[in-house]
Amino acid sequence: MTHVVAEPCFNCKYTDCVVVCPVECFYEGEAILYIHPDECIDCEACVPECPVEAIFHEDSLPEEWAGYTELNAEMASTCPVITEKKDAMGPDV
């Protein structure tokens, strides 16, 4: 099982979640973060850290964002790992 970063992360990219991840499974895309499904250990440490509530367990992912499961898997393999907090992109930052 894995967690998935979904639509609320798009163009905000808060990185509070990456610093609590014990296995460094977050990857940074241009406008969103991704979780590598083969690396996520389903610990849920990242979920309460996301200020925009963009991280979901794959079984609880809202239907309208179902495509994000595949997107995370595909893009995490092509993006650089992120392990340190950075400034967010959001308009309220």
PDB file of N, CA and C in Angstrom:
ATOM      1  N   MET A   1       0.837  -1.185   0.000  1.00  0.00           N
ATOM      2  CA  MET A   1       0.000   0.000   0.000  1.00  0.00           C
ATOM      3  C   MET A   1       0.880   1.245   0.000  1.00  0.00           C
ATOM      4  N   THR A   2       0.285   2.328  -0.446  1.00  0.00           N
ATOM      5  CA  THR A   2       1.047   3.564  -0.541  1.00  0.00           C
ATOM      6  C   THR A   2       0.158   4.768  -0.303  1.00  0.00           C
ATOM      7  N   HIS A   3       0.778   5.892  -0.156  1.00  0.00           N
ATOM      8  CA  HIS A   3       0.078   7.158  -0.097  1.00  0.00           C
ATOM      9  C   HIS A   3       0.297   7.876  -1.425  1.00  0.00           C
ATOM     10  N   VAL A   4      -0.595   8.802  -1.719  1.00  0.00           N
ATOM     11  CA  VAL A   4      -0.596   9.482  -3.012  1.00  0.00           C
ATOM     12  C   VAL A   4      -0.712  10.984  -2.779  1.00  0.00           C
ATOM     13  N   VAL A   5       0.086  11.756  -3.492  1.00  0.00           N
ATOM     14  CA  VAL A   5      -0.046  13.212  -3.485  1.00  0.00           C
ATOM     15  C   VAL A   5      -1.021  13.565  -4.600  1.00  0.00           C
ATOM     16  N   ALA A   6      -2.037  14.361  -4.268  1.00  0.00           N
ATOM     17  CA  ALA A   6      -3.100  14.666  -5.237  1.00  0.00           C
ATOM     18  C   ALA A   6      -3.190  16.165  -5.552  1.00  0.00           C
ATOM     19  N   GLU A   7      -4.229  16.536  -6.240  1.00  0.00           N
ATOM     20  CA  GLU A   7      -4.472  17.871  -6.784  1.00  0.00           C
ATOM     21  C   GLU A   7      -4.189  19.042  -5.848  1.00  0.00           C
ATOM     22  N   PRO A   8      -4.546  18.995  -4.555  1.00  0.00           N
ATOM     23  CA  PRO A   8      -4.296  20.169  -3.716  1.00  0.00           C
ATOM     24  C   PRO A   8      -2.828  20.598  -3.641  1.00  0.00           C
ATOM     25  N   CYS A   9      -1.903  19.710  -3.947  1.00  0.00           N
ATOM     26  CA  CYS A   9      -0.479  20.051  -3.922  1.00  0.00           C
ATOM     27  C   CYS A   9      -0.058  20.838  -5.162  1.00  0.00           C
ATOM     28  N   PHE A  10      -0.849  20.766  -6.212  1.00  0.00           N
ATOM     29  CA  PHE A  10      -0.464  21.380  -7.485  1.00  0.00           C
ATOM     30  C   PHE A  10      -0.273  22.886  -7.324  1.00  0.00           C
ATOM     31  N   ASN A  11       0.893  23.354  -7.717  1.00  0.00           N
ATOM     32  CA  ASN A  11       1.297  24.753  -7.651  1.00  0.00           C
ATOM     33  C   ASN A  11       1.369  25.324  -6.234  1.00  0.00           C
ATOM     34  N   CYS A  12       1.524  24.467  -5.244  1.00  0.00           N
ATOM     35  CA  CYS A  12       1.806  24.995  -3.904  1.00  0.00           C
ATOM     36  C   CYS A  12       3.044  24.316  -3.347  1.00  0.00           C
ATOM     37  N   LYS A  13       3.118  23.008  -3.462  1.00  0.00           N
ATOM     38  CA  LYS A  13       4.309  22.242  -3.097  1.00  0.00           C
ATOM     39  C   LYS A  13       4.867  22.548  -1.716  1.00  0.00           C
ATOM     40  N   TYR A  14       4.028  22.501  -0.705  1.00  0.00           N
ATOM     41  CA  TYR A  14       4.558  22.585   0.656  1.00  0.00           C
ATOM     42  C   TYR A  14       5.430  21.349   0.856  1.00  0.00           C
ATOM     43  N   THR A  15       6.497  21.493   1.580  1.00  0.00           N
ATOM     44  CA  THR A  15       7.413  20.360   1.748  1.00  0.00           C
ATOM     45  C   THR A  15       7.538  19.932   3.207  1.00  0.00           C
ATOM     46  N   ASP A  16       6.575  20.304   4.023  1.00  0.00           N
ATOM     47  CA  ASP A  16       6.563  19.891   5.420  1.00  0.00           C
ATOM     48  C   ASP A  16       6.573  18.365   5.527  1.00  0.00           C
ATOM     49  N   CYS A  17       5.936  17.712   4.584  1.00  0.00           N
ATOM     50  CA  CYS A  17       5.802  16.252   4.576  1.00  0.00           C
ATOM     51  C   CYS A  17       7.129  15.533   4.372  1.00  0.00           C
ATOM     52  N   VAL A  18       8.012  16.106   3.590  1.00  0.00           N
ATOM     53  CA  VAL A  18       9.243  15.387   3.250  1.00  0.00           C
ATOM     54  C   VAL A  18      10.193  15.236   4.425  1.00  0.00           C
ATOM     55  N   VAL A  19      10.170  16.180   5.347  1.00  0.00           N
ATOM     56  CA  VAL A  19      11.106  16.112   6.470  1.00  0.00           C
ATOM     57  C   VAL A  19      10.716  15.067   7.511  1.00  0.00           C
ATOM     58  N   VAL A  20       9.476  14.612   7.500  1.00  0.00           N
ATOM     59  CA  VAL A  20       9.049  13.584   8.458  1.00  0.00           C
ATOM     60  C   VAL A  20       9.055  12.183   7.855  1.00  0.00           C
ATOM     61  N   CYS A  21       9.315  12.084   6.575  1.00  0.00           N
ATOM     62  CA  CYS A  21       9.304  10.781   5.901  1.00  0.00           C
ATOM     63  C   CYS A  21      10.549   9.971   6.292  1.00  0.00           C
ATOM     64  N   PRO A  22      10.361   8.815   6.903  1.00  0.00           N
ATOM     65  CA  PRO A  22      11.514   8.031   7.353  1.00  0.00           C
ATOM     66  C   PRO A  22      12.247   7.287   6.237  1.00  0.00           C
ATOM     67  N   VAL A  23      11.640   7.212   5.055  1.00  0.00           N
ATOM     68  CA  VAL A  23      12.274   6.453   3.971  1.00  0.00           C
ATOM     69  C   VAL A  23      12.596   7.295   2.738  1.00  0.00           C
ATOM     70  N   GLU A  24      12.390   8.614   2.822  1.00  0.00           N
ATOM     71  CA  GLU A  24      12.727   9.513   1.717  1.00  0.00           C
ATOM     72  C   GLU A  24      12.079   9.088   0.398  1.00  0.00           C
ATOM     73  N   CYS A  25      10.761   8.953   0.406  1.00  0.00           N
ATOM     74  CA  CYS A  25      10.049   8.495  -0.789  1.00  0.00           C
ATOM     75  C   CYS A  25       9.363   9.623  -1.556  1.00  0.00           C
ATOM     76  N   PHE A  26       9.663  10.882  -1.205  1.00  0.00           N
ATOM     77  CA  PHE A  26       9.080  12.022  -1.917  1.00  0.00           C
ATOM     78  C   PHE A  26      10.006  12.479  -3.035  1.00  0.00           C
ATOM     79  N   TYR A  27       9.397  12.848  -4.142  1.00  0.00           N
ATOM     80  CA  TYR A  27      10.133  13.314  -5.314  1.00  0.00           C
ATOM     81  C   TYR A  27       9.535  14.628  -5.766  1.00  0.00           C
ATOM     82  N   GLU A  28      10.396  15.526  -6.247  1.00  0.00           N
ATOM     83  CA  GLU A  28       9.958  16.872  -6.588  1.00  0.00           C
ATOM     84  C   GLU A  28       9.803  17.074  -8.089  1.00  0.00           C
ATOM     85  N   GLY A  29       8.557  17.329  -8.496  1.00  0.00           N
ATOM     86  CA  GLY A  29       8.279  17.697  -9.873  1.00  0.00           C
ATOM     87  C   GLY A  29       8.258  19.215  -9.988  1.00  0.00           C
ATOM     88  N   GLU A  30       7.971  19.730 -11.169  1.00  0.00           N
ATOM     89  CA  GLU A  30       7.963  21.178 -11.373  1.00  0.00           C
ATOM     90  C   GLU A  30       6.891  21.881 -10.550  1.00  0.00           C
ATOM     91  N   ALA A  31       5.709  21.267 -10.449  1.00  0.00           N
ATOM     92  CA  ALA A  31       4.595  21.944  -9.790  1.00  0.00           C
ATOM     93  C   ALA A  31       3.931  21.126  -8.688  1.00  0.00           C
ATOM     94  N   ILE A  32       4.458  19.957  -8.397  1.00  0.00           N
ATOM     95  CA  ILE A  32       3.831  19.070  -7.423  1.00  0.00           C
ATOM     96  C   ILE A  32       4.874  18.087  -6.894  1.00  0.00           C
ATOM     97  N   LEU A  33       4.639  17.564  -5.704  1.00  0.00           N
ATOM     98  CA  LEU A  33       5.478  16.496  -5.171  1.00  0.00           C
ATOM     99  C   LEU A  33       4.849  15.160  -5.520  1.00  0.00           C
ATOM    100  N   TYR A  34       5.642  14.117  -5.523  1.00  0.00           N
ATOM    101  CA  TYR A  34       5.156  12.763  -5.803  1.00  0.00           C
ATOM    102  C   TYR A  34       5.688  11.816  -4.744  1.00  0.00           C
ATOM    103  N   ILE A  35       4.937  10.762  -4.473  1.00  0.00           N
ATOM    104  CA  ILE A  35       5.380   9.710  -3.571  1.00  0.00           C
ATOM    105  C   ILE A  35       5.646   8.465  -4.400  1.00  0.00           C
ATOM    106  N   HIS A  36       6.823   7.889  -4.229  1.00  0.00           N
ATOM    107  CA  HIS A  36       7.158   6.663  -4.960  1.00  0.00           C
ATOM    108  C   HIS A  36       6.451   5.490  -4.276  1.00  0.00           C
ATOM    109  N   PRO A  37       5.558   4.803  -4.983  1.00  0.00           N
ATOM    110  CA  PRO A  37       4.761   3.744  -4.358  1.00  0.00           C
ATOM    111  C   PRO A  37       5.564   2.537  -3.887  1.00  0.00           C
ATOM    112  N   ASP A  38       6.698   2.284  -4.495  1.00  0.00           N
ATOM    113  CA  ASP A  38       7.517   1.139  -4.093  1.00  0.00           C
ATOM    114  C   ASP A  38       8.384   1.455  -2.877  1.00  0.00           C
ATOM    115  N   GLU A  39       8.490   2.718  -2.524  1.00  0.00           N
ATOM    116  CA  GLU A  39       9.322   3.132  -1.399  1.00  0.00           C
ATOM    117  C   GLU A  39       8.505   3.512  -0.164  1.00  0.00           C
ATOM    118  N   CYS A  40       7.269   3.930  -0.358  1.00  0.00           N
ATOM    119  CA  CYS A  40       6.405   4.336   0.752  1.00  0.00           C
ATOM    120  C   CYS A  40       6.123   3.134   1.647  1.00  0.00           C
ATOM    121  N   ILE A  41       6.304   3.318   2.956  1.00  0.00           N
ATOM    122  CA  ILE A  41       6.066   2.221   3.897  1.00  0.00           C
ATOM    123  C   ILE A  41       4.724   2.378   4.616  1.00  0.00           C
ATOM    124  N   ASP A  42       3.906   3.296   4.157  1.00  0.00           N
ATOM    125  CA  ASP A  42       2.546   3.455   4.665  1.00  0.00           C
ATOM    126  C   ASP A  42       2.523   3.842   6.140  1.00  0.00           C
ATOM    127  N   CYS A  43       3.482   4.652   6.564  1.00  0.00           N
ATOM    128  CA  CYS A  43       3.565   5.024   7.982  1.00  0.00           C
ATOM    129  C   CYS A  43       2.608   6.159   8.347  1.00  0.00           C
ATOM    130  N   GLU A  44       2.159   6.910   7.362  1.00  0.00           N
ATOM    131  CA  GLU A  44       1.217   8.025   7.514  1.00  0.00           C
ATOM    132  C   GLU A  44       1.803   9.250   8.208  1.00  0.00           C
ATOM    133  N   ALA A  45       3.097   9.298   8.424  1.00  0.00           N
ATOM    134  CA  ALA A  45       3.710  10.453   9.089  1.00  0.00           C
ATOM    135  C   ALA A  45       3.504  11.741   8.292  1.00  0.00           C
ATOM    136  N   CYS A  46       3.436  11.634   6.986  1.00  0.00           N
ATOM    137  CA  CYS A  46       3.319  12.798   6.119  1.00  0.00           C
ATOM    138  C   CYS A  46       1.918  13.400   6.094  1.00  0.00           C
ATOM    139  N   VAL A  47       0.907  12.593   6.318  1.00  0.00           N
ATOM    140  CA  VAL A  47      -0.482  13.035   6.152  1.00  0.00           C
ATOM    141  C   VAL A  47      -0.811  14.251   7.020  1.00  0.00           C
ATOM    142  N   PRO A  48      -0.587  14.221   8.330  1.00  0.00           N
ATOM    143  CA  PRO A  48      -0.952  15.392   9.132  1.00  0.00           C
ATOM    144  C   PRO A  48      -0.044  16.606   8.910  1.00  0.00           C
ATOM    145  N   GLU A  49       1.086  16.417   8.268  1.00  0.00           N
ATOM    146  CA  GLU A  49       2.019  17.517   8.023  1.00  0.00           C
ATOM    147  C   GLU A  49       1.637  18.365   6.811  1.00  0.00           C
ATOM    148  N   CYS A  50       0.786  17.861   5.953  1.00  0.00           N
ATOM    149  CA  CYS A  50       0.416  18.575   4.731  1.00  0.00           C
ATOM    150  C   CYS A  50      -0.648  19.627   5.038  1.00  0.00           C
ATOM    151  N   PRO A  51      -0.299  20.920   4.929  1.00  0.00           N
ATOM    152  CA  PRO A  51      -1.248  21.975   5.282  1.00  0.00           C
ATOM    153  C   PRO A  51      -2.423  22.111   4.313  1.00  0.00           C
ATOM    154  N   VAL A  52      -2.322  21.530   3.123  1.00  0.00           N
ATOM    155  CA  VAL A  52      -3.424  21.626   2.160  1.00  0.00           C
ATOM    156  C   VAL A  52      -4.163  20.295   1.996  1.00  0.00           C
ATOM    157  N   GLU A  53      -3.837  19.329   2.844  1.00  0.00           N
ATOM    158  CA  GLU A  53      -4.486  18.013   2.841  1.00  0.00           C
ATOM    159  C   GLU A  53      -4.469  17.373   1.450  1.00  0.00           C
ATOM    160  N   ALA A  54      -3.258  17.282   0.897  1.00  0.00           N
ATOM    161  CA  ALA A  54      -3.074  16.744  -0.451  1.00  0.00           C
ATOM    162  C   ALA A  54      -2.623  15.292  -0.472  1.00  0.00           C
ATOM    163  N   ILE A  55      -2.367  14.696   0.697  1.00  0.00           N
ATOM    164  CA  ILE A  55      -1.834  13.335   0.750  1.00  0.00           C
ATOM    165  C   ILE A  55      -2.907  12.386   1.256  1.00  0.00           C
ATOM    166  N   PHE A  56      -3.145  11.340   0.476  1.00  0.00           N
ATOM    167  CA  PHE A  56      -4.189  10.368   0.792  1.00  0.00           C
ATOM    168  C   PHE A  56      -3.636   8.958   0.710  1.00  0.00           C
ATOM    169  N   HIS A  57      -4.171   8.073   1.541  1.00  0.00           N
ATOM    170  CA  HIS A  57      -3.884   6.655   1.361  1.00  0.00           C
ATOM    171  C   HIS A  57      -4.546   6.264   0.052  1.00  0.00           C
ATOM    172  N   GLU A  58      -3.924   5.405  -0.718  1.00  0.00           N
ATOM    173  CA  GLU A  58      -4.468   5.071  -2.037  1.00  0.00           C
ATOM    174  C   GLU A  58      -5.897   4.535  -1.959  1.00  0.00           C
ATOM    175  N   ASP A  59      -6.266   3.892  -0.868  1.00  0.00           N
ATOM    176  CA  ASP A  59      -7.624   3.377  -0.708  1.00  0.00           C
ATOM    177  C   ASP A  59      -8.632   4.462  -0.351  1.00  0.00           C
ATOM    178  N   SER A  60      -8.147   5.634   0.056  1.00  0.00           N
ATOM    179  CA  SER A  60      -9.027   6.739   0.459  1.00  0.00           C
ATOM    180  C   SER A  60      -8.964   7.923  -0.497  1.00  0.00           C
ATOM    181  N   LEU A  61      -8.277   7.757  -1.598  1.00  0.00           N
ATOM    182  CA  LEU A  61      -8.130   8.827  -2.576  1.00  0.00           C
ATOM    183  C   LEU A  61      -9.491   9.166  -3.185  1.00  0.00           C
ATOM    184  N   PRO A  62      -9.902  10.443  -3.139  1.00  0.00           N
ATOM    185  CA  PRO A  62     -11.178  10.810  -3.757  1.00  0.00           C
ATOM    186  C   PRO A  62     -11.218  10.408  -5.234  1.00  0.00           C
ATOM    187  N   GLU A  63     -12.357   9.968  -5.674  1.00  0.00           N
ATOM    188  CA  GLU A  63     -12.532   9.452  -7.041  1.00  0.00           C
ATOM    189  C   GLU A  63     -12.069  10.443  -8.105  1.00  0.00           C
ATOM    190  N   GLU A  64     -12.325  11.738  -7.886  1.00  0.00           N
ATOM    191  CA  GLU A  64     -11.952  12.723  -8.904  1.00  0.00           C
ATOM    192  C   GLU A  64     -10.440  12.833  -9.087  1.00  0.00           C
ATOM    193  N   TRP A  65      -9.667  12.293  -8.144  1.00  0.00           N
ATOM    194  CA  TRP A  65      -8.213  12.338  -8.241  1.00  0.00           C
ATOM    195  C   TRP A  65      -7.608  10.949  -8.436  1.00  0.00           C
ATOM    196  N   ALA A  66      -8.390  10.017  -8.894  1.00  0.00           N
ATOM    197  CA  ALA A  66      -7.929   8.632  -9.064  1.00  0.00           C
ATOM    198  C   ALA A  66      -6.688   8.532  -9.958  1.00  0.00           C
ATOM    199  N   GLY A  67      -6.564   9.378 -10.934  1.00  0.00           N
ATOM    200  CA  GLY A  67      -5.425   9.356 -11.844  1.00  0.00           C
ATOM    201  C   GLY A  67      -4.103   9.704 -11.181  1.00  0.00           C
ATOM    202  N   TYR A  68      -4.158  10.280 -10.002  1.00  0.00           N
ATOM    203  CA  TYR A  68      -2.927  10.655  -9.306  1.00  0.00           C
ATOM    204  C   TYR A  68      -2.140   9.448  -8.792  1.00  0.00           C
ATOM    205  N   THR A  69      -2.794   8.327  -8.608  1.00  0.00           N
ATOM    206  CA  THR A  69      -2.074   7.127  -8.176  1.00  0.00           C
ATOM    207  C   THR A  69      -1.054   6.745  -9.245  1.00  0.00           C
ATOM    208  N   GLU A  70      -1.505   6.663 -10.468  1.00  0.00           N
ATOM    209  CA  GLU A  70      -0.614   6.331 -11.577  1.00  0.00           C
ATOM    210  C   GLU A  70       0.389   7.451 -11.841  1.00  0.00           C
ATOM    211  N   LEU A  71      -0.059   8.694 -11.729  1.00  0.00           N
ATOM    212  CA  LEU A  71       0.832   9.829 -11.962  1.00  0.00           C
ATOM    213  C   LEU A  71       1.993   9.835 -10.960  1.00  0.00           C
ATOM    214  N   ASN A  72       1.700   9.591  -9.680  1.00  0.00           N
ATOM    215  CA  ASN A  72       2.757   9.523  -8.669  1.00  0.00           C
ATOM    216  C   ASN A  72       3.758   8.425  -9.013  1.00  0.00           C
ATOM    217  N   ALA A  73       3.255   7.255  -9.367  1.00  0.00           N
ATOM    218  CA  ALA A  73       4.133   6.126  -9.691  1.00  0.00           C
ATOM    219  C   ALA A  73       5.019   6.444 -10.898  1.00  0.00           C
ATOM    220  N   GLU A  74       4.430   7.035 -11.904  1.00  0.00           N
ATOM    221  CA  GLU A  74       5.170   7.348 -13.131  1.00  0.00           C
ATOM    222  C   GLU A  74       6.191   8.462 -12.909  1.00  0.00           C
ATOM    223  N   MET A  75       5.775   9.545 -12.291  1.00  0.00           N
ATOM    224  CA  MET A  75       6.639  10.711 -12.171  1.00  0.00           C
ATOM    225  C   MET A  75       7.717  10.567 -11.094  1.00  0.00           C
ATOM    226  N   ALA A  76       7.438   9.833 -10.038  1.00  0.00           N
ATOM    227  CA  ALA A  76       8.446   9.660  -8.987  1.00  0.00           C
ATOM    228  C   ALA A  76       9.712   9.010  -9.537  1.00  0.00           C
ATOM    229  N   SER A  77       9.538   8.199 -10.551  1.00  0.00           N
ATOM    230  CA  SER A  77      10.689   7.520 -11.161  1.00  0.00           C
ATOM    231  C   SER A  77      11.538   8.440 -12.026  1.00  0.00           C
ATOM    232  N   THR A  78      11.013   9.628 -12.352  1.00  0.00           N
ATOM    233  CA  THR A  78      11.733  10.526 -13.253  1.00  0.00           C
ATOM    234  C   THR A  78      12.196  11.814 -12.583  1.00  0.00           C
ATOM    235  N   CYS A  79      11.761  12.059 -11.349  1.00  0.00           N
ATOM    236  CA  CYS A  79      12.071  13.305 -10.647  1.00  0.00           C
ATOM    237  C   CYS A  79      13.125  13.070  -9.560  1.00  0.00           C
ATOM    238  N   PRO A  80      13.779  14.143  -9.128  1.00  0.00           N
ATOM    239  CA  PRO A  80      14.773  14.008  -8.058  1.00  0.00           C
ATOM    240  C   PRO A  80      14.114  13.839  -6.687  1.00  0.00           C
ATOM    241  N   VAL A  81      14.743  13.071  -5.830  1.00  0.00           N
ATOM    242  CA  VAL A  81      14.254  12.897  -4.465  1.00  0.00           C
ATOM    243  C   VAL A  81      14.383  14.223  -3.732  1.00  0.00           C
ATOM    244  N   ILE A  82      13.456  14.475  -2.817  1.00  0.00           N
ATOM    245  CA  ILE A  82      13.512  15.683  -1.999  1.00  0.00           C
ATOM    246  C   ILE A  82      13.442  15.255  -0.536  1.00  0.00           C
ATOM    247  N   THR A  83      14.383  15.751   0.268  1.00  0.00           N
ATOM    248  CA  THR A  83      14.444  15.345   1.669  1.00  0.00           C
ATOM    249  C   THR A  83      14.479  16.529   2.628  1.00  0.00           C
ATOM    250  N   GLU A  84      14.585  17.737   2.109  1.00  0.00           N
ATOM    251  CA  GLU A  84      14.658  18.923   2.950  1.00  0.00           C
ATOM    252  C   GLU A  84      13.538  19.890   2.621  1.00  0.00           C
ATOM    253  N   LYS A  85      13.106  20.613   3.632  1.00  0.00           N
ATOM    254  CA  LYS A  85      12.036  21.583   3.465  1.00  0.00           C
ATOM    255  C   LYS A  85      12.503  22.748   2.595  1.00  0.00           C
ATOM    256  N   LYS A  86      11.618  23.182   1.698  1.00  0.00           N
ATOM    257  CA  LYS A  86      11.871  24.319   0.821  1.00  0.00           C
ATOM    258  C   LYS A  86      10.683  25.277   0.940  1.00  0.00           C
ATOM    259  N   ASP A  87      10.834  26.477   0.406  1.00  0.00           N
ATOM    260  CA  ASP A  87       9.721  27.399   0.360  1.00  0.00           C
ATOM    261  C   ASP A  87       8.637  26.864  -0.573  1.00  0.00           C
ATOM    262  N   ALA A  88       7.401  27.027  -0.172  1.00  0.00           N
ATOM    263  CA  ALA A  88       6.268  26.572  -0.985  1.00  0.00           C
ATOM    264  C   ALA A  88       6.027  27.530  -2.142  1.00  0.00           C
ATOM    265  N   MET A  89       5.266  27.060  -3.106  1.00  0.00           N
ATOM    266  CA  MET A  89       4.945  27.858  -4.286  1.00  0.00           C
ATOM    267  C   MET A  89       3.649  28.633  -4.119  1.00  0.00           C
ATOM    268  N   GLY A  90       2.822  28.258  -3.160  1.00  0.00           N
ATOM    269  CA  GLY A  90       1.460  28.763  -3.016  1.00  0.00           C
ATOM    270  C   GLY A  90       1.338  30.266  -2.921  1.00  0.00           C
ATOM    271  N   PRO A  91       0.158  30.778  -3.303  1.00  0.00           N
ATOM    272  CA  PRO A  91      -0.086  32.227  -3.290  1.00  0.00           C
ATOM    273  C   PRO A  91      -0.175  32.784  -1.865  1.00  0.00           C
ATOM    274  N   ASP A  92      -0.470  31.926  -0.885  1.00  0.00           N
ATOM    275  CA  ASP A  92      -0.610  32.412   0.477  1.00  0.00           C
ATOM    276  C   ASP A  92       0.671  32.242   1.282  1.00  0.00           C
ATOM    277  N   VAL A  93       1.768  32.089   0.578  1.00  0.00           N
ATOM    278  CA  VAL A  93       3.057  31.887   1.249  1.00  0.00           C
ATOM    279  C   VAL A  93       3.740  33.231   1.442  1.00  0.00           C
TER     280      VAL A  93
END
